[in-house]
C-alpha atoms as a PDB file:
ATOM      1  CA  MET A   1     125.620  96.167  -8.930  1.00  0.00           C
ATOM      2  CA  MET A   2     123.250  98.275  -6.853  1.00  0.00           C
ATOM      3  CA  GLU A   3     126.004 100.520  -5.488  1.00  0.00           C
ATOM      4  CA  GLU A   4     126.973 101.702  -8.974  1.00  0.00           C
ATOM      5  CA  LEU A   5     123.419 102.982  -9.499  1.00  0.00           C
ATOM      6  CA  LEU A   6     123.503 105.290  -6.496  1.00  0.00           C
ATOM      7  CA  ASN A   7     122.983 108.959  -7.155  1.00  0.00           C
ATOM      8  CA  TYR A   8     125.666 110.706  -5.057  1.00  0.00           C
ATOM      9  CA  ASP A   9     123.578 113.859  -4.581  1.00  0.00           C
ATOM     10  CA  LYS A  10     120.756 111.792  -3.106  1.00  0.00           C
ATOM     11  CA  LEU A  11     123.215 109.735  -1.039  1.00  0.00           C
ATOM     12  CA  VAL A  12     124.670 112.874   0.593  1.00  0.00           C
ATOM     13  CA  GLU A  13     121.151 114.236   1.081  1.00  0.00           C
ATOM     14  CA  ALA A  14     120.140 110.971   2.783  1.00  0.00           C
ATOM     15  CA  ALA A  15     123.241 111.006   4.992  1.00  0.00           C
ATOM     16  CA  LEU A  16     122.549 114.574   6.129  1.00  0.00           C
ATOM     17  CA  PHE A  17     118.901 113.712   6.750  1.00  0.00           C
ATOM     18  CA  MET A  18     119.751 110.682   8.889  1.00  0.00           C
ATOM     19  CA  ALA A  19     122.494 112.374  10.917  1.00  0.00           C
ATOM     20  CA  SER A  20     121.386 113.287  14.432  1.00  0.00           C
ATOM     21  CA  LYS A  21     123.937 116.100  14.567  1.00  0.00           C
ATOM     22  CA  ALA A  22     125.938 118.301  12.233  1.00  0.00           C
ATOM     23  CA  VAL A  23     128.524 116.306  10.273  1.00  0.00           C
ATOM     24  CA  SER A  24     131.820 117.252   8.688  1.00  0.00           C
ATOM     25  CA  VAL A  25     132.895 116.614   5.109  1.00  0.00           C
ATOM     26  CA  GLU A  26     135.271 113.944   6.473  1.00  0.00           C
ATOM     27  CA  GLU A  27     132.394 112.152   8.219  1.00  0.00           C
ATOM     28  CA  LEU A  28     130.267 112.360   5.074  1.00  0.00           C
ATOM     29  CA  SER A  29     133.157 110.993   3.041  1.00  0.00           C
ATOM     30  CA  LYS A  30     133.437 107.944   5.319  1.00  0.00           C
ATOM     31  CA  GLN A  31     129.677 107.317   5.275  1.00  0.00           C
ATOM     32  CA  THR A  32     129.103 107.806   1.565  1.00  0.00           C
ATOM     33  CA  GLY A  33     132.365 106.468   0.149  1.00  0.00           C
ATOM     34  CA  ILE A  34     132.900 109.699  -1.798  1.00  0.00           C
ATOM     35  CA  ALA A  35     136.625 110.294  -1.434  1.00  0.00           C
ATOM     36  CA  SER A  36     136.853 113.683  -3.131  1.00  0.00           C
ATOM     37  CA  LYS A  37     136.263 116.510  -0.649  1.00  0.00           C
ATOM     38  CA  VAL A  38     135.868 118.941  -3.549  1.00  0.00           C
ATOM     39  CA  LYS A  39     133.073 116.785  -5.023  1.00  0.00           C
ATOM     40  CA  LEU A  40     131.403 116.438  -1.595  1.00  0.00           C
ATOM     41  CA  GLU A  41     131.536 120.177  -0.941  1.00  0.00           C
ATOM     42  CA  SER A  42     130.092 120.801  -4.393  1.00  0.00           C
ATOM     43  CA  ILE A  43     127.218 118.392  -3.684  1.00  0.00           C
ATOM     44  CA  ILE A  44     126.590 120.044  -0.289  1.00  0.00           C
ATOM     45  CA  ASN A  45     126.591 123.536  -1.816  1.00  0.00           C
ATOM     46  CA  ASN A  46     124.122 122.340  -4.467  1.00  0.00           C
ATOM     47  CA  LEU A  47     121.888 120.934  -1.712  1.00  0.00           C
ATOM     48  CA  ILE A  48     122.063 124.219   0.201  1.00  0.00           C
ATOM     49  CA  GLU A  49     120.949 126.099  -2.928  1.00  0.00           C
ATOM     50  CA  LYS A  50     118.309 123.504  -3.807  1.00  0.00           C
ATOM     51  CA  TYR A  51     116.616 123.768  -0.407  1.00  0.00           C
ATOM     52  CA  LYS A  52     117.013 127.535  -0.315  1.00  0.00           C
ATOM     53  CA  ASN A  53     115.092 127.836  -3.582  1.00  0.00           C
ATOM     54  CA  GLU A  54     112.508 125.088  -3.054  1.00  0.00           C
ATOM     55  CA  ASP A  55     109.131 125.666  -1.479  1.00  0.00           C
ATOM     56  CA  THR A  56     109.875 123.500   1.561  1.00  0.00           C
ATOM     57  CA  SER A  57     110.220 123.900   5.306  1.00  0.00           C
ATOM     58  CA  LEU A  58     113.661 122.249   5.218  1.00  0.00           C
ATOM     59  CA  GLU A  59     117.105 123.704   4.663  1.00  0.00           C
ATOM     60  CA  VAL A  60     120.699 122.519   4.754  1.00  0.00           C
ATOM     61  CA  VAL A  61     122.791 124.730   7.015  1.00  0.00           C
ATOM     62  CA  ARG A  62     126.493 125.139   7.637  1.00  0.00           C
ATOM     63  CA  LEU A  63     127.651 125.288  11.267  1.00  0.00           C
ATOM     64  CA  GLY A  64     131.365 126.036  11.325  1.00  0.00           C
ATOM     65  CA  ASP A  65     132.889 123.257   9.219  1.00  0.00           C
ATOM     66  CA  LYS A  66     129.877 120.940   9.579  1.00  0.00           C
ATOM     67  CA  TYR A  67     126.503 120.605   7.886  1.00  0.00           C
ATOM     68  CA  MET A  68     123.033 119.507   8.892  1.00  0.00           C
ATOM     69  CA  PHE A  69     119.379 119.595   7.952  1.00  0.00           C
ATOM     70  CA  SER A  70     117.299 122.156   9.807  1.00  0.00           C
ATOM     71  CA  LEU A  71     113.891 123.787   9.586  1.00  0.00           C
ATOM     72  CA  LYS A  72     113.342 127.207   8.075  1.00  0.00           C
ATOM     73  CA  GLU A  73     111.550 129.851  10.101  1.00  0.00           C
ATOM     74  CA  PRO A  74     108.724 130.264  10.989  1.00  0.00           C
ATOM     75  CA  TYR A  75     108.302 126.463  10.922  1.00  0.00           C
ATOM     76  CA  ALA A  76     111.143 125.729  13.346  1.00  0.00           C
ATOM     77  CA  SER A  77     109.704 127.858  16.136  1.00  0.00           C
ATOM     78  CA  LYS A  78     106.183 126.490  15.561  1.00  0.00           C
ATOM     79  CA  VAL A  79     107.114 122.814  15.972  1.00  0.00           C
ATOM     80  CA  SER A  80     110.271 122.909  18.107  1.00  0.00           C
ATOM     81  CA  SER A  81     108.425 121.538  21.143  1.00  0.00           C
ATOM     82  CA  LEU A  82     108.131 118.197  19.311  1.00  0.00           C
ATOM     83  CA  ALA A  83     111.904 117.778  19.263  1.00  0.00           C
ATOM     84  CA  GLY A  84     113.351 115.690  22.048  1.00  0.00           C
ATOM     85  CA  GLY A  85     116.295 116.847  24.035  1.00  0.00           C
ATOM     86  CA  PRO A  86     117.477 117.792  27.449  1.00  0.00           C
ATOM     87  CA  ASP A  87     115.144 119.742  29.666  1.00  0.00           C
ATOM     88  CA  ILE A  88     116.943 122.769  31.007  1.00  0.00           C
ATOM     89  CA  THR A  89     115.813 124.806  33.978  1.00  0.00           C
ATOM     90  CA  LYS A  90     114.866 128.423  33.354  1.00  0.00           C
ATOM     91  CA  GLY A  91     117.815 129.615  35.435  1.00  0.00           C
ATOM     92  CA  ALA A  92     120.257 127.531  33.409  1.00  0.00           C
ATOM     93  CA  LEU A  93     118.682 128.729  30.170  1.00  0.00           C
ATOM     94  CA  ARG A  94     119.048 132.353  31.303  1.00  0.00           C
ATOM     95  CA  ILE A  95     122.737 131.779  32.074  1.00  0.00           C
ATOM     96  CA  LEU A  96     123.250 129.929  28.790  1.00  0.00           C
ATOM     97  CA  SER A  97     121.782 132.855  26.899  1.00  0.00           C
ATOM     98  CA  TYR A  98     124.069 135.259  28.746  1.00  0.00           C
ATOM     99  CA  VAL A  99     127.146 133.092  28.071  1.00  0.00           C
ATOM    100  CA  ASN A 100     126.222 132.913  24.382  1.00  0.00           C
ATOM    101  CA  LYS A 101     126.246 136.715  24.164  1.00  0.00           C
ATOM    102  CA  ASN A 102     129.390 137.032  26.297  1.00  0.00           C
ATOM    103  CA  GLU A 103     131.657 134.175  25.178  1.00  0.00           C
ATOM    104  CA  GLY A 104     134.652 133.726  27.460  1.00  0.00           C
ATOM    105  CA  ILE A 105     132.916 135.289  30.475  1.00  0.00           C
ATOM    106  CA  LEU A 106     134.330 134.398  33.856  1.00  0.00           C
ATOM    107  CA  GLN A 107     132.306 132.229  36.214  1.00  0.00           C
ATOM    108  CA  SER A 108     132.950 134.765  38.979  1.00  0.00           C
ATOM    109  CA  ALA A 109     131.276 137.480  36.875  1.00  0.00           C
ATOM    110  CA  LEU A 110     128.249 135.245  36.320  1.00  0.00           C
ATOM    111  CA  VAL A 111     127.975 134.609  40.061  1.00  0.00           C
ATOM    112  CA  LYS A 112     128.022 138.358  40.718  1.00  0.00           C
ATOM    113  CA  ILE A 113     125.214 138.848  38.183  1.00  0.00           C
ATOM    114  CA  PHE A 114     123.026 135.794  38.869  1.00  0.00           C
ATOM    115  CA  GLY A 115     123.913 134.802  42.436  1.00  0.00           C
ATOM    116  CA  GLY A 116     125.000 131.612  44.161  1.00  0.00           C
ATOM    117  CA  SER A 117     122.649 129.301  42.241  1.00  0.00           C
ATOM    118  CA  THR A 118     124.866 129.964  39.218  1.00  0.00           C
ATOM    119  CA  TYR A 119     127.154 127.089  40.257  1.00  0.00           C
ATOM    120  CA  ASP A 120     124.287 124.568  39.997  1.00  0.00           C
ATOM    121  CA  HIS A 121     123.198 125.971  36.649  1.00  0.00           C
ATOM    122  CA  ILE A 122     126.745 125.833  35.287  1.00  0.00           C
ATOM    123  CA  LYS A 123     127.008 122.187  36.367  1.00  0.00           C
ATOM    124  CA  GLU A 124     123.690 121.461  34.633  1.00  0.00           C
ATOM    125  CA  LEU A 125     124.893 123.132  31.416  1.00  0.00           C
ATOM    126  CA  VAL A 126     128.252 121.325  31.517  1.00  0.00           C
ATOM    127  CA  ASP A 127     126.449 118.001  32.121  1.00  0.00           C
ATOM    128  CA  ASN A 128     124.284 118.675  29.056  1.00  0.00           C
ATOM    129  CA  ASP A 129     127.434 119.636  27.095  1.00  0.00           C
ATOM    130  CA  PHE A 130     126.123 123.108  26.222  1.00  0.00           C
ATOM    131  CA  ILE A 131     129.066 124.940  27.807  1.00  0.00           C
ATOM    132  CA  GLU A 132     132.671 124.200  28.626  1.00  0.00           C
ATOM    133  CA  THR A 133     134.745 125.676  31.409  1.00  0.00           C
ATOM    134  CA  LYS A 134     138.492 126.259  31.482  1.00  0.00           C
ATOM    135  CA  LYS A 135     140.486 127.246  34.542  1.00  0.00           C
ATOM    136  CA  PHE A 136     141.503 130.899  34.399  1.00  0.00           C
ATOM    137  CA  LYS A 137     143.445 132.332  37.360  1.00  0.00           C
ATOM    138  CA  THR A 138     141.114 131.932  40.355  1.00  0.00           C
ATOM    139  CA  SER A 139     137.956 131.481  38.255  1.00  0.00           C
ATOM    140  CA  LYS A 140     136.859 129.682  35.091  1.00  0.00           C
ATOM    141  CA  LYS A 141     136.264 130.966  31.565  1.00  0.00           C
ATOM    142  CA  ILE A 142     132.982 129.784  30.116  1.00  0.00           C
ATOM    143  CA  ASN A 143     132.175 129.236  26.437  1.00  0.00           C
ATOM    144  CA  THR A 144     129.377 127.560  24.533  1.00  0.00           C
ATOM    145  CA  THR A 145     130.095 124.243  22.794  1.00  0.00           C
ATOM    146  CA  GLN A 146     129.564 122.926  19.284  1.00  0.00           C
ATOM    147  CA  LYS A 147     126.631 120.913  20.658  1.00  0.00           C
ATOM    148  CA  PHE A 148     125.029 124.181  21.838  1.00  0.00           C
ATOM    149  CA  LYS A 149     125.406 125.689  18.357  1.00  0.00           C
ATOM    150  CA  GLU A 150     123.917 122.603  16.700  1.00  0.00           C
ATOM    151  CA  TYR A 151     121.074 122.192  19.211  1.00  0.00           C
ATOM    152  CA  PHE A 152     119.994 125.838  19.104  1.00  0.00           C
ATOM    153  CA  ASN A 153     120.949 126.291  15.441  1.00  0.00           C
ATOM    154  CA  VAL A 154     123.145 129.347  16.054  1.00  0.00           C
END
């Protein structure tokens, strides 16, 4: 049978390559049919080392408890404009950057710093799933999302 001939290292590599976002060991297990999480993590760690030591622009990165292919610098910054994705206004990007450095900041504090247009920018960032807001007293606490971390590779 063809399935018996599969090289599991290459199968995990292919799964990570095809994934449009970072994937967990559980997701990889479902996709590849490799039931052992220990074996999967070993394969992933080997891939991380392989790409770290190879003369290539690619790397396998860990984001929290998920993994994905990414580009090494300086290649990522040179070709990032080719990647599709949501267009974000400069104002929203400025606020997103500030939220990233000040996780859990209150919306009211952002409004004091950036002005009334902050509400529109926050809506834009929530719509793009880059931040999440949670009610906190009379304001909202703002944090970046997993999608933000994956998209900006932070």
